[in-house]
PDB file of N, CA and C in Angstrom:
ATOM      1  N   UNK A   1     -34.544 -53.329  47.192  1.00  0.00           N
ATOM      2  CA  UNK A   1     -34.313 -52.352  46.145  1.00  0.00           C
ATOM      3  C   UNK A   1     -34.612 -50.948  46.664  1.00  0.00           C
ATOM      4  N   UNK A   2     -33.770 -49.997  46.330  1.00  0.00           N
ATOM      5  CA  UNK A   2     -33.936 -48.626  46.783  1.00  0.00           C
ATOM      6  C   UNK A   2     -35.108 -47.965  46.057  1.00  0.00           C
ATOM      7  N   UNK A   3     -35.839 -47.171  46.800  1.00  0.00           N
ATOM      8  CA  UNK A   3     -36.959 -46.446  46.206  1.00  0.00           C
ATOM      9  C   UNK A   3     -36.421 -45.383  45.260  1.00  0.00           C
ATOM     10  N   UNK A   4     -37.096 -45.198  44.137  1.00  0.00           N
ATOM     11  CA  UNK A   4     -36.682 -44.175  43.175  1.00  0.00           C
ATOM     12  C   UNK A   4     -37.691 -43.040  43.197  1.00  0.00           C
ATOM     13  N   UNK A   5     -37.224 -41.876  42.802  1.00  0.00           N
ATOM     14  CA  UNK A   5     -38.063 -40.679  42.793  1.00  0.00           C
ATOM     15  C   UNK A   5     -37.968 -40.027  41.428  1.00  0.00           C
ATOM     16  N   UNK A   6     -39.061 -39.410  41.015  1.00  0.00           N
ATOM     17  CA  UNK A   6     -39.108 -38.714  39.736  1.00  0.00           C
ATOM     18  C   UNK A   6     -38.895 -37.223  40.006  1.00  0.00           C
ATOM     19  N   UNK A   7     -37.639 -36.853  40.267  1.00  0.00           N
ATOM     20  CA  UNK A   7     -37.328 -35.460  40.579  1.00  0.00           C
ATOM     21  C   UNK A   7     -37.479 -34.602  39.335  1.00  0.00           C
ATOM     22  N   UNK A   8     -38.070 -33.411  39.486  1.00  0.00           N
ATOM     23  CA  UNK A   8     -38.180 -32.496  38.335  1.00  0.00           C
ATOM     24  C   UNK A   8     -36.787 -32.041  37.880  1.00  0.00           C
ATOM     25  N   UNK A   9     -36.666 -31.713  36.604  1.00  0.00           N
ATOM     26  CA  UNK A   9     -35.385 -31.310  36.030  1.00  0.00           C
ATOM     27  C   UNK A   9     -34.764 -30.104  36.706  1.00  0.00           C
ATOM     28  N   UNK A  10     -35.591 -29.103  37.059  1.00  0.00           N
ATOM     29  CA  UNK A  10     -35.024 -27.907  37.679  1.00  0.00           C
ATOM     30  C   UNK A  10     -34.477 -28.208  39.073  1.00  0.00           C
ATOM     31  N   UNK A  11     -35.106 -29.144  39.778  1.00  0.00           N
ATOM     32  CA  UNK A  11     -34.622 -29.529  41.104  1.00  0.00           C
ATOM     33  C   UNK A  11     -33.303 -30.297  40.983  1.00  0.00           C
ATOM     34  N   UNK A  12     -33.221 -31.213  40.025  1.00  0.00           N
ATOM     35  CA  UNK A  12     -31.974 -31.937  39.776  1.00  0.00           C
ATOM     36  C   UNK A  12     -30.849 -30.983  39.379  1.00  0.00           C
ATOM     37  N   UNK A  13     -31.160 -30.038  38.506  1.00  0.00           N
ATOM     38  CA  UNK A  13     -30.157 -29.064  38.067  1.00  0.00           C
ATOM     39  C   UNK A  13     -29.700 -28.186  39.229  1.00  0.00           C
ATOM     40  N   UNK A  14     -30.637 -27.779  40.066  1.00  0.00           N
ATOM     41  CA  UNK A  14     -30.290 -26.963  41.235  1.00  0.00           C
ATOM     42  C   UNK A  14     -29.394 -27.716  42.196  1.00  0.00           C
ATOM     43  N   UNK A  15     -29.712 -28.997  42.431  1.00  0.00           N
ATOM     44  CA  UNK A  15     -28.891 -29.805  43.336  1.00  0.00           C
ATOM     45  C   UNK A  15     -27.498 -30.015  42.751  1.00  0.00           C
ATOM     46  N   UNK A  16     -27.414 -30.279  41.456  1.00  0.00           N
ATOM     47  CA  UNK A  16     -26.106 -30.485  40.820  1.00  0.00           C
ATOM     48  C   UNK A  16     -25.268 -29.213  40.887  1.00  0.00           C
ATOM     49  N   UNK A  17     -25.882 -28.063  40.624  1.00  0.00           N
ATOM     50  CA  UNK A  17     -25.136 -26.802  40.720  1.00  0.00           C
ATOM     51  C   UNK A  17     -24.706 -26.553  42.165  1.00  0.00           C
ATOM     52  N   UNK A  18     -25.543 -26.920  43.118  1.00  0.00           N
ATOM     53  CA  UNK A  18     -25.180 -26.767  44.524  1.00  0.00           C
ATOM     54  C   UNK A  18     -23.944 -27.601  44.847  1.00  0.00           C
ATOM     55  N   UNK A  19     -23.896 -28.840  44.359  1.00  0.00           N
ATOM     56  CA  UNK A  19     -22.694 -29.669  44.538  1.00  0.00           C
ATOM     57  C   UNK A  19     -21.471 -28.973  43.952  1.00  0.00           C
ATOM     58  N   UNK A  20     -21.613 -28.437  42.753  1.00  0.00           N
ATOM     59  CA  UNK A  20     -20.488 -27.801  42.059  1.00  0.00           C
ATOM     60  C   UNK A  20     -20.013 -26.555  42.794  1.00  0.00           C
ATOM     61  N   UNK A  21     -20.952 -25.731  43.235  1.00  0.00           N
ATOM     62  CA  UNK A  21     -20.591 -24.503  43.944  1.00  0.00           C
ATOM     63  C   UNK A  21     -19.903 -24.837  45.261  1.00  0.00           C
ATOM     64  N   UNK A  22     -20.416 -25.828  45.976  1.00  0.00           N
ATOM     65  CA  UNK A  22     -19.783 -26.219  47.242  1.00  0.00           C
ATOM     66  C   UNK A  22     -18.378 -26.757  47.023  1.00  0.00           C
ATOM     67  N   UNK A  23     -18.181 -27.531  45.973  1.00  0.00           N
ATOM     68  CA  UNK A  23     -16.849 -28.056  45.667  1.00  0.00           C
ATOM     69  C   UNK A  23     -15.892 -26.920  45.304  1.00  0.00           C
ATOM     70  N   UNK A  24     -16.370 -25.973  44.510  1.00  0.00           N
ATOM     71  CA  UNK A  24     -15.541 -24.834  44.119  1.00  0.00           C
ATOM     72  C   UNK A  24     -15.185 -23.974  45.328  1.00  0.00           C
ATOM     73  N   UNK A  25     -16.156 -23.726  46.199  1.00  0.00           N
ATOM     74  CA  UNK A  25     -15.914 -22.936  47.407  1.00  0.00           C
ATOM     75  C   UNK A  25     -14.928 -23.650  48.329  1.00  0.00           C
ATOM     76  N   UNK A  26     -15.103 -24.931  48.503  1.00  0.00           N
ATOM     77  CA  UNK A  26     -14.204 -25.709  49.352  1.00  0.00           C
ATOM     78  C   UNK A  26     -12.771 -25.665  48.824  1.00  0.00           C
ATOM     79  N   UNK A  27     -12.614 -25.835  47.525  1.00  0.00           N
ATOM     80  CA  UNK A  27     -11.276 -25.795  46.920  1.00  0.00           C
ATOM     81  C   UNK A  27     -10.650 -24.411  47.086  1.00  0.00           C
ATOM     82  N   UNK A  28     -11.438 -23.372  46.896  1.00  0.00           N
ATOM     83  CA  UNK A  28     -10.938 -22.007  47.057  1.00  0.00           C
ATOM     84  C   UNK A  28     -10.498 -21.764  48.497  1.00  0.00           C
ATOM     85  N   UNK A  29     -11.308 -22.161  49.457  1.00  0.00           N
ATOM     86  CA  UNK A  29     -10.965 -21.940  50.864  1.00  0.00           C
ATOM     87  C   UNK A  29      -9.714 -22.712  51.277  1.00  0.00           C
ATOM     88  N   UNK A  30      -9.489 -23.879  50.691  1.00  0.00           N
ATOM     89  CA  UNK A  30      -8.257 -24.639  50.988  1.00  0.00           C
ATOM     90  C   UNK A  30      -7.024 -23.917  50.451  1.00  0.00           C
ATOM     91  N   UNK A  31      -7.178 -23.181  49.345  1.00  0.00           N
ATOM     92  CA  UNK A  31      -6.041 -22.472  48.749  1.00  0.00           C
ATOM     93  C   UNK A  31      -5.721 -21.163  49.454  1.00  0.00           C
ATOM     94  N   UNK A  32      -6.720 -20.551  50.055  1.00  0.00           N
ATOM     95  CA  UNK A  32      -6.535 -19.237  50.667  1.00  0.00           C
ATOM     96  C   UNK A  32      -5.844 -19.338  52.026  1.00  0.00           C
ATOM     97  N   UNK A  33      -5.214 -18.249  52.458  1.00  0.00           N
ATOM     98  CA  UNK A  33      -4.643 -18.232  53.807  1.00  0.00           C
ATOM     99  C   UNK A  33      -5.723 -18.491  54.853  1.00  0.00           C
ATOM    100  N   UNK A  34      -5.325 -18.961  56.015  1.00  0.00           N
ATOM    101  CA  UNK A  34      -6.273 -19.362  57.056  1.00  0.00           C
ATOM    102  C   UNK A  34      -7.054 -18.189  57.637  1.00  0.00           C
ATOM    103  N   UNK A  35      -6.537 -16.978  57.537  1.00  0.00           N
ATOM    104  CA  UNK A  35      -7.223 -15.806  58.096  1.00  0.00           C
ATOM    105  C   UNK A  35      -7.547 -14.803  56.997  1.00  0.00           C
ATOM    106  N   UNK A  36      -8.737 -14.249  57.068  1.00  0.00           N
ATOM    107  CA  UNK A  36      -9.143 -13.217  56.113  1.00  0.00           C
ATOM    108  C   UNK A  36      -8.280 -11.973  56.302  1.00  0.00           C
ATOM    109  N   UNK A  37      -8.045 -11.612  57.544  1.00  0.00           N
ATOM    110  CA  UNK A  37      -7.229 -10.444  57.887  1.00  0.00           C
ATOM    111  C   UNK A  37      -5.784 -10.874  58.110  1.00  0.00           C
ATOM    112  N   UNK A  38      -4.811 -10.009  57.821  1.00  0.00           N
ATOM    113  CA  UNK A  38      -3.422 -10.349  58.114  1.00  0.00           C
ATOM    114  C   UNK A  38      -3.236 -10.583  59.626  1.00  0.00           C
ATOM    115  N   UNK A  39      -2.653 -11.714  59.972  1.00  0.00           N
ATOM    116  CA  UNK A  39      -2.408 -12.044  61.374  1.00  0.00           C
ATOM    117  C   UNK A  39      -1.067 -12.754  61.510  1.00  0.00           C
ATOM    118  N   UNK A  40      -0.457 -12.589  62.688  1.00  0.00           N
ATOM    119  CA  UNK A  40       0.779 -13.303  62.987  1.00  0.00           C
ATOM    120  C   UNK A  40       0.480 -14.783  63.150  1.00  0.00           C
ATOM    121  N   UNK A  41       1.490 -15.593  62.945  1.00  0.00           N
ATOM    122  CA  UNK A  41       1.359 -17.022  63.178  1.00  0.00           C
ATOM    123  C   UNK A  41       1.313 -17.304  64.665  1.00  0.00           C
ATOM    124  N   UNK A  42       0.919 -18.511  65.051  1.00  0.00           N
ATOM    125  CA  UNK A  42       0.882 -18.873  66.466  1.00  0.00           C
ATOM    126  C   UNK A  42       0.989 -20.377  66.633  1.00  0.00           C
ATOM    127  N   UNK A  43       1.304 -20.765  67.854  1.00  0.00           N
ATOM    128  CA  UNK A  43       1.349 -22.162  68.237  1.00  0.00           C
ATOM    129  C   UNK A  43       0.700 -22.272  69.607  1.00  0.00           C
ATOM    130  N   UNK A  44      -0.220 -23.209  69.753  1.00  0.00           N
ATOM    131  CA  UNK A  44      -0.940 -23.378  71.017  1.00  0.00           C
ATOM    132  C   UNK A  44      -1.051 -24.862  71.320  1.00  0.00           C
ATOM    133  N   UNK A  45      -0.451 -25.274  72.429  1.00  0.00           N
ATOM    134  CA  UNK A  45      -0.559 -26.685  72.829  1.00  0.00           C
ATOM    135  C   UNK A  45      -1.177 -26.829  74.211  1.00  0.00           C
ATOM    136  N   UNK A  46      -1.988 -25.837  74.609  1.00  0.00           N
ATOM    137  CA  UNK A  46      -2.652 -25.887  75.911  1.00  0.00           C
ATOM    138  C   UNK A  46      -3.983 -26.623  75.883  1.00  0.00           C
ATOM    139  N   UNK A  47      -4.476 -26.932  74.706  1.00  0.00           N
ATOM    140  CA  UNK A  47      -5.753 -27.633  74.576  1.00  0.00           C
ATOM    141  C   UNK A  47      -5.544 -29.130  74.458  1.00  0.00           C
ATOM    142  N   UNK A  48      -6.516 -29.832  73.982  1.00  0.00           N
ATOM    143  CA  UNK A  48      -6.426 -31.288  73.842  1.00  0.00           C
ATOM    144  C   UNK A  48      -5.580 -31.704  72.648  1.00  0.00           C
ATOM    145  N   UNK A  49      -5.301 -30.745  71.751  1.00  0.00           N
ATOM    146  CA  UNK A  49      -4.380 -31.009  70.656  1.00  0.00           C
ATOM    147  C   UNK A  49      -3.649 -29.725  70.313  1.00  0.00           C
ATOM    148  N   UNK A  50      -2.466 -29.888  69.781  1.00  0.00           N
ATOM    149  CA  UNK A  50      -1.649 -28.744  69.417  1.00  0.00           C
ATOM    150  C   UNK A  50      -2.166 -28.116  68.128  1.00  0.00           C
ATOM    151  N   UNK A  51      -2.228 -26.800  68.116  1.00  0.00           N
ATOM    152  CA  UNK A  51      -2.666 -26.056  66.937  1.00  0.00           C
ATOM    153  C   UNK A  51      -1.540 -25.111  66.542  1.00  0.00           C
ATOM    154  N   UNK A  52      -1.164 -25.142  65.283  1.00  0.00           N
ATOM    155  CA  UNK A  52      -0.150 -24.228  64.764  1.00  0.00           C
ATOM    156  C   UNK A  52      -0.660 -23.601  63.473  1.00  0.00           C
ATOM    157  N   UNK A  53      -0.416 -22.321  63.352  1.00  0.00           N
ATOM    158  CA  UNK A  53      -0.775 -21.610  62.132  1.00  0.00           C
ATOM    159  C   UNK A  53       0.384 -20.703  61.744  1.00  0.00           C
ATOM    160  N   UNK A  54       0.738 -20.679  60.473  1.00  0.00           N
ATOM    161  CA  UNK A  54       1.770 -19.738  60.020  1.00  0.00           C
ATOM    162  C   UNK A  54       1.172 -18.334  59.944  1.00  0.00           C
ATOM    163  N   UNK A  55       2.012 -17.361  59.778  1.00  0.00           N
ATOM    164  CA  UNK A  55       1.505 -15.998  59.591  1.00  0.00           C
ATOM    165  C   UNK A  55       0.611 -15.969  58.353  1.00  0.00           C
ATOM    166  N   UNK A  56      -0.460 -15.190  58.427  1.00  0.00           N
ATOM    167  CA  UNK A  56      -1.402 -15.094  57.312  1.00  0.00           C
ATOM    168  C   UNK A  56      -1.326 -13.696  56.706  1.00  0.00           C
ATOM    169  N   UNK A  57      -1.118 -13.619  55.392  1.00  0.00           N
ATOM    170  CA  UNK A  57      -1.130 -12.303  54.742  1.00  0.00           C
ATOM    171  C   UNK A  57      -2.548 -11.757  54.575  1.00  0.00           C
ATOM    172  N   UNK A  58      -3.549 -12.580  54.871  1.00  0.00           N
ATOM    173  CA  UNK A  58      -4.937 -12.178  54.676  1.00  0.00           C
ATOM    174  C   UNK A  58      -5.373 -12.403  53.239  1.00  0.00           C
ATOM    175  N   UNK A  59      -6.611 -12.069  52.967  1.00  0.00           N
ATOM    176  CA  UNK A  59      -7.175 -12.219  51.623  1.00  0.00           C
ATOM    177  C   UNK A  59      -7.225 -10.855  50.968  1.00  0.00           C
ATOM    178  N   UNK A  60      -6.971 -10.812  49.673  1.00  0.00           N
ATOM    179  CA  UNK A  60      -7.114  -9.542  48.972  1.00  0.00           C
ATOM    180  C   UNK A  60      -8.595  -9.332  48.615  1.00  0.00           C
ATOM    181  N   UNK A  61      -8.893  -8.174  48.070  1.00  0.00           N
ATOM    182  CA  UNK A  61     -10.294  -7.833  47.769  1.00  0.00           C
ATOM    183  C   UNK A  61     -10.926  -8.799  46.771  1.00  0.00           C
ATOM    184  N   UNK A  62     -10.153  -9.227  45.780  1.00  0.00           N
ATOM    185  CA  UNK A  62     -10.685 -10.164  44.783  1.00  0.00           C
ATOM    186  C   UNK A  62     -11.012 -11.514  45.416  1.00  0.00           C
ATOM    187  N   UNK A  63     -10.148 -11.986  46.305  1.00  0.00           N
ATOM    188  CA  UNK A  63     -10.392 -13.262  46.986  1.00  0.00           C
ATOM    189  C   UNK A  63     -11.631 -13.177  47.874  1.00  0.00           C
ATOM    190  N   UNK A  64     -11.751 -12.075  48.604  1.00  0.00           N
ATOM    191  CA  UNK A  64     -12.931 -11.883  49.447  1.00  0.00           C
ATOM    192  C   UNK A  64     -14.200 -11.829  48.610  1.00  0.00           C
ATOM    193  N   UNK A  65     -14.143 -11.146  47.482  1.00  0.00           N
ATOM    194  CA  UNK A  65     -15.310 -11.035  46.599  1.00  0.00           C
ATOM    195  C   UNK A  65     -15.689 -12.394  46.023  1.00  0.00           C
ATOM    196  N   UNK A  66     -14.691 -13.204  45.643  1.00  0.00           N
ATOM    197  CA  UNK A  66     -14.967 -14.527  45.087  1.00  0.00           C
ATOM    198  C   UNK A  66     -15.610 -15.436  46.127  1.00  0.00           C
ATOM    199  N   UNK A  67     -15.098 -15.413  47.360  1.00  0.00           N
ATOM    200  CA  UNK A  67     -15.688 -16.217  48.432  1.00  0.00           C
ATOM    201  C   UNK A  67     -17.121 -15.762  48.694  1.00  0.00           C
ATOM    202  N   UNK A  68     -17.334 -14.460  48.756  1.00  0.00           N
ATOM    203  CA  UNK A  68     -18.678 -13.933  49.004  1.00  0.00           C
ATOM    204  C   UNK A  68     -19.639 -14.324  47.884  1.00  0.00           C
ATOM    205  N   UNK A  69     -19.181 -14.252  46.638  1.00  0.00           N
ATOM    206  CA  UNK A  69     -20.015 -14.626  45.488  1.00  0.00           C
ATOM    207  C   UNK A  69     -20.423 -16.100  45.576  1.00  0.00           C
ATOM    208  N   UNK A  70     -19.462 -16.970  45.870  1.00  0.00           N
ATOM    209  CA  UNK A  70     -19.765 -18.399  45.967  1.00  0.00           C
ATOM    210  C   UNK A  70     -20.671 -18.697  47.158  1.00  0.00           C
ATOM    211  N   UNK A  71     -20.431 -18.054  48.287  1.00  0.00           N
ATOM    212  CA  UNK A  71     -21.292 -18.272  49.463  1.00  0.00           C
ATOM    213  C   UNK A  71     -22.717 -17.809  49.187  1.00  0.00           C
ATOM    214  N   UNK A  72     -22.851 -16.679  48.513  1.00  0.00           N
ATOM    215  CA  UNK A  72     -24.182 -16.176  48.167  1.00  0.00           C
ATOM    216  C   UNK A  72     -24.904 -17.145  47.238  1.00  0.00           C
ATOM    217  N   UNK A  73     -24.190 -17.640  46.226  1.00  0.00           N
ATOM    218  CA  UNK A  73     -24.807 -18.588  45.287  1.00  0.00           C
ATOM    219  C   UNK A  73     -25.161 -19.891  45.991  1.00  0.00           C
ATOM    220  N   UNK A  74     -24.285 -20.350  46.884  1.00  0.00           N
ATOM    221  CA  UNK A  74     -24.567 -21.555  47.659  1.00  0.00           C
ATOM    222  C   UNK A  74     -25.856 -21.375  48.470  1.00  0.00           C
ATOM    223  N   UNK A  75     -26.000 -20.228  49.096  1.00  0.00           N
ATOM    224  CA  UNK A  75     -27.204 -19.943  49.877  1.00  0.00           C
ATOM    225  C   UNK A  75     -28.450 -19.939  48.989  1.00  0.00           C
ATOM    226  N   UNK A  76     -28.371 -19.258  47.856  1.00  0.00           N
ATOM    227  CA  UNK A  76     -29.515 -19.202  46.935  1.00  0.00           C
ATOM    228  C   UNK A  76     -29.937 -20.603  46.494  1.00  0.00           C
ATOM    229  N   UNK A  77     -28.956 -21.422  46.145  1.00  0.00           N
ATOM    230  CA  UNK A  77     -29.265 -22.778  45.681  1.00  0.00           C
ATOM    231  C   UNK A  77     -29.813 -23.651  46.802  1.00  0.00           C
ATOM    232  N   UNK A  78     -29.251 -23.523  48.001  1.00  0.00           N
ATOM    233  CA  UNK A  78     -29.741 -24.310  49.132  1.00  0.00           C
ATOM    234  C   UNK A  78     -31.203 -23.958  49.439  1.00  0.00           C
ATOM    235  N   UNK A  79     -31.537 -22.685  49.373  1.00  0.00           N
ATOM    236  CA  UNK A  79     -32.920 -22.261  49.596  1.00  0.00           C
ATOM    237  C   UNK A  79     -33.810 -22.787  48.471  1.00  0.00           C
ATOM    238  N   UNK A  80     -33.358 -22.664  47.223  1.00  0.00           N
ATOM    239  CA  UNK A  80     -34.141 -23.161  46.089  1.00  0.00           C
ATOM    240  C   UNK A  80     -34.437 -24.647  46.235  1.00  0.00           C
ATOM    241  N   UNK A  81     -33.406 -25.436  46.509  1.00  0.00           N
ATOM    242  CA  UNK A  81     -33.573 -26.891  46.607  1.00  0.00           C
ATOM    243  C   UNK A  81     -34.452 -27.260  47.799  1.00  0.00           C
ATOM    244  N   UNK A  82     -34.198 -26.671  48.942  1.00  0.00           N
ATOM    245  CA  UNK A  82     -34.925 -27.080  50.152  1.00  0.00           C
ATOM    246  C   UNK A  82     -36.365 -26.590  50.197  1.00  0.00           C
ATOM    247  N   UNK A  83     -36.697 -25.560  49.439  1.00  0.00           N
ATOM    248  CA  UNK A  83     -38.074 -25.048  49.457  1.00  0.00           C
ATOM    249  C   UNK A  83     -38.808 -25.324  48.137  1.00  0.00           C
ATOM    250  N   UNK A  84     -38.254 -26.165  47.301  1.00  0.00           N
ATOM    251  CA  UNK A  84     -38.864 -26.471  46.008  1.00  0.00           C
ATOM    252  C   UNK A  84     -40.268 -27.050  46.214  1.00  0.00           C
ATOM    253  N   UNK A  85     -41.172 -26.721  45.331  1.00  0.00           N
ATOM    254  CA  UNK A  85     -42.568 -27.172  45.432  1.00  0.00           C
ATOM    255  C   UNK A  85     -42.687 -28.702  45.425  1.00  0.00           C
ATOM    256  N   UNK A  86     -41.694 -29.384  44.895  1.00  0.00           N
ATOM    257  CA  UNK A  86     -41.710 -30.850  44.847  1.00  0.00           C
ATOM    258  C   UNK A  86     -41.861 -31.455  46.242  1.00  0.00           C
ATOM    259  N   UNK A  87     -41.279 -30.814  47.249  1.00  0.00           N
ATOM    260  CA  UNK A  87     -41.287 -31.383  48.609  1.00  0.00           C
ATOM    261  C   UNK A  87     -42.655 -31.301  49.276  1.00  0.00           C
ATOM    262  N   UNK A  88     -43.590 -30.569  48.711  1.00  0.00           N
ATOM    263  CA  UNK A  88     -44.922 -30.439  49.312  1.00  0.00           C
ATOM    264  C   UNK A  88     -45.645 -31.780  49.398  1.00  0.00           C
ATOM    265  N   UNK A  89     -45.295 -32.717  48.538  1.00  0.00           N
ATOM    266  CA  UNK A  89     -45.941 -34.020  48.528  1.00  0.00           C
ATOM    267  C   UNK A  89     -45.378 -35.009  49.531  1.00  0.00           C
ATOM    268  N   UNK A  90     -44.445 -34.584  50.369  1.00  0.00           N
ATOM    269  CA  UNK A  90     -43.793 -35.485  51.313  1.00  0.00           C
ATOM    270  C   UNK A  90     -44.011 -35.025  52.744  1.00  0.00           C
ATOM    271  N   UNK A  91     -43.935 -35.994  53.658  1.00  0.00           N
ATOM    272  CA  UNK A  91     -44.016 -35.666  55.080  1.00  0.00           C
ATOM    273  C   UNK A  91     -42.871 -36.361  55.813  1.00  0.00           C
ATOM    274  N   UNK A  92     -42.446 -35.752  56.900  1.00  0.00           N
ATOM    275  CA  UNK A  92     -41.473 -36.341  57.824  1.00  0.00           C
ATOM    276  C   UNK A  92     -40.346 -37.124  57.214  1.00  0.00           C
ATOM    277  N   UNK A  93     -40.256 -38.402  57.613  1.00  0.00           N
ATOM    278  CA  UNK A  93     -39.175 -39.273  57.182  1.00  0.00           C
ATOM    279  C   UNK A  93     -39.149 -39.503  55.685  1.00  0.00           C
ATOM    280  N   UNK A  94     -40.318 -39.476  55.045  1.00  0.00           N
ATOM    281  CA  UNK A  94     -40.351 -39.644  53.591  1.00  0.00           C
ATOM    282  C   UNK A  94     -39.599 -38.503  52.900  1.00  0.00           C
ATOM    283  N   UNK A  95     -39.786 -37.296  53.409  1.00  0.00           N
ATOM    284  CA  UNK A  95     -39.102 -36.135  52.836  1.00  0.00           C
ATOM    285  C   UNK A  95     -37.597 -36.251  53.069  1.00  0.00           C
ATOM    286  N   UNK A  96     -37.205 -36.676  54.254  1.00  0.00           N
ATOM    287  CA  UNK A  96     -35.779 -36.834  54.566  1.00  0.00           C
ATOM    288  C   UNK A  96     -35.152 -37.870  53.633  1.00  0.00           C
ATOM    289  N   UNK A  97     -35.816 -38.978  53.425  1.00  0.00           N
ATOM    290  CA  UNK A  97     -35.296 -40.023  52.557  1.00  0.00           C
ATOM    291  C   UNK A  97     -35.194 -39.533  51.114  1.00  0.00           C
ATOM    292  N   UNK A  98     -36.225 -38.875  50.629  1.00  0.00           N
ATOM    293  CA  UNK A  98     -36.210 -38.366  49.260  1.00  0.00           C
ATOM    294  C   UNK A  98     -35.125 -37.315  49.090  1.00  0.00           C
ATOM    295  N   UNK A  99     -34.955 -36.465  50.088  1.00  0.00           N
ATOM    296  CA  UNK A  99     -33.918 -35.422  50.026  1.00  0.00           C
ATOM    297  C   UNK A  99     -32.533 -36.062  49.972  1.00  0.00           C
ATOM    298  N   UNK A 100     -32.342 -37.114  50.731  1.00  0.00           N
ATOM    299  CA  UNK A 100     -31.073 -37.831  50.715  1.00  0.00           C
ATOM    300  C   UNK A 100     -30.816 -38.427  49.332  1.00  0.00           C
ATOM    301  N   UNK A 101     -31.843 -38.986  48.724  1.00  0.00           N
ATOM    302  CA  UNK A 101     -31.702 -39.551  47.380  1.00  0.00           C
ATOM    303  C   UNK A 101     -31.360 -38.463  46.358  1.00  0.00           C
ATOM    304  N   UNK A 102     -31.960 -37.291  46.514  1.00  0.00           N
ATOM    305  CA  UNK A 102     -31.660 -36.192  45.592  1.00  0.00           C
ATOM    306  C   UNK A 102     -30.191 -35.804  45.693  1.00  0.00           C
ATOM    307  N   UNK A 103     -29.654 -35.774  46.894  1.00  0.00           N
ATOM    308  CA  UNK A 103     -28.253 -35.386  47.077  1.00  0.00           C
ATOM    309  C   UNK A 103     -27.311 -36.316  46.331  1.00  0.00           C
ATOM    310  N   UNK A 104     -27.737 -37.554  46.105  1.00  0.00           N
ATOM    311  CA  UNK A 104     -26.897 -38.539  45.434  1.00  0.00           C
ATOM    312  C   UNK A 104     -27.404 -38.892  44.030  1.00  0.00           C
ATOM    313  N   UNK A 105     -28.375 -38.142  43.536  1.00  0.00           N
ATOM    314  CA  UNK A 105     -28.987 -38.456  42.243  1.00  0.00           C
ATOM    315  C   UNK A 105     -28.012 -38.304  41.083  1.00  0.00           C
ATOM    316  N   UNK A 106     -26.983 -37.489  41.233  1.00  0.00           N
ATOM    317  CA  UNK A 106     -26.017 -37.294  40.146  1.00  0.00           C
ATOM    318  C   UNK A 106     -25.107 -38.504  39.973  1.00  0.00           C
ATOM    319  N   UNK A 107     -25.068 -39.383  40.963  1.00  0.00           N
ATOM    320  CA  UNK A 107     -24.274 -40.608  40.881  1.00  0.00           C
ATOM    321  C   UNK A 107     -25.116 -41.686  40.206  1.00  0.00           C
ATOM    322  N   UNK A 108     -24.456 -42.673  39.677  1.00  0.00           N
ATOM    323  CA  UNK A 108     -25.184 -43.801  39.099  1.00  0.00           C
ATOM    324  C   UNK A 108     -25.829 -44.607  40.211  1.00  0.00           C
ATOM    325  N   UNK A 109     -26.809 -45.456  39.897  1.00  0.00           N
ATOM    326  CA  UNK A 109     -27.502 -46.246  40.909  1.00  0.00           C
ATOM    327  C   UNK A 109     -26.553 -47.103  41.754  1.00  0.00           C
ATOM    328  N   UNK A 110     -25.471 -47.608  41.135  1.00  0.00           N
ATOM    329  CA  UNK A 110     -24.540 -48.445  41.879  1.00  0.00           C
ATOM    330  C   UNK A 110     -23.672 -47.638  42.838  1.00  0.00           C
ATOM    331  N   UNK A 111     -23.623 -46.305  42.662  1.00  0.00           N
ATOM    332  CA  UNK A 111     -22.813 -45.458  43.532  1.00  0.00           C
ATOM    333  C   UNK A 111     -23.614 -44.883  44.688  1.00  0.00           C
ATOM    334  N   UNK A 112     -24.920 -44.859  44.591  1.00  0.00           N
ATOM    335  CA  UNK A 112     -25.761 -44.260  45.623  1.00  0.00           C
ATOM    336  C   UNK A 112     -25.750 -45.114  46.879  1.00  0.00           C
ATOM    337  N   UNK A 113     -25.898 -44.446  48.039  1.00  0.00           N
ATOM    338  CA  UNK A 113     -25.912 -45.198  49.304  1.00  0.00           C
ATOM    339  C   UNK A 113     -27.148 -46.014  49.470  1.00  0.00           C
TER     340      UNK A 113
END
């Protein structure tokens, strides 16, 4: 049976928001052009795999601001979660295991690894 932890509500909420912000940022980055700045497309097959990119119009100011806002929030949440006072009661591998459980706490017990 997997060990359970009594995570404080603010830590659970912080981790859940971190999941949400990362998902939102990932979805946004998939929608945006590959380059922040306007660049010509290219094709390169001199490496171990061929890389092709279409021309990129770059990101507009609103897109750049949205990415920056999400990255900033992601950073704030990652710091909050990783430095939460709850972790003071753990050492080494115990902390790693508990942290892993927190990352999956939003899933039901049957979904957790």
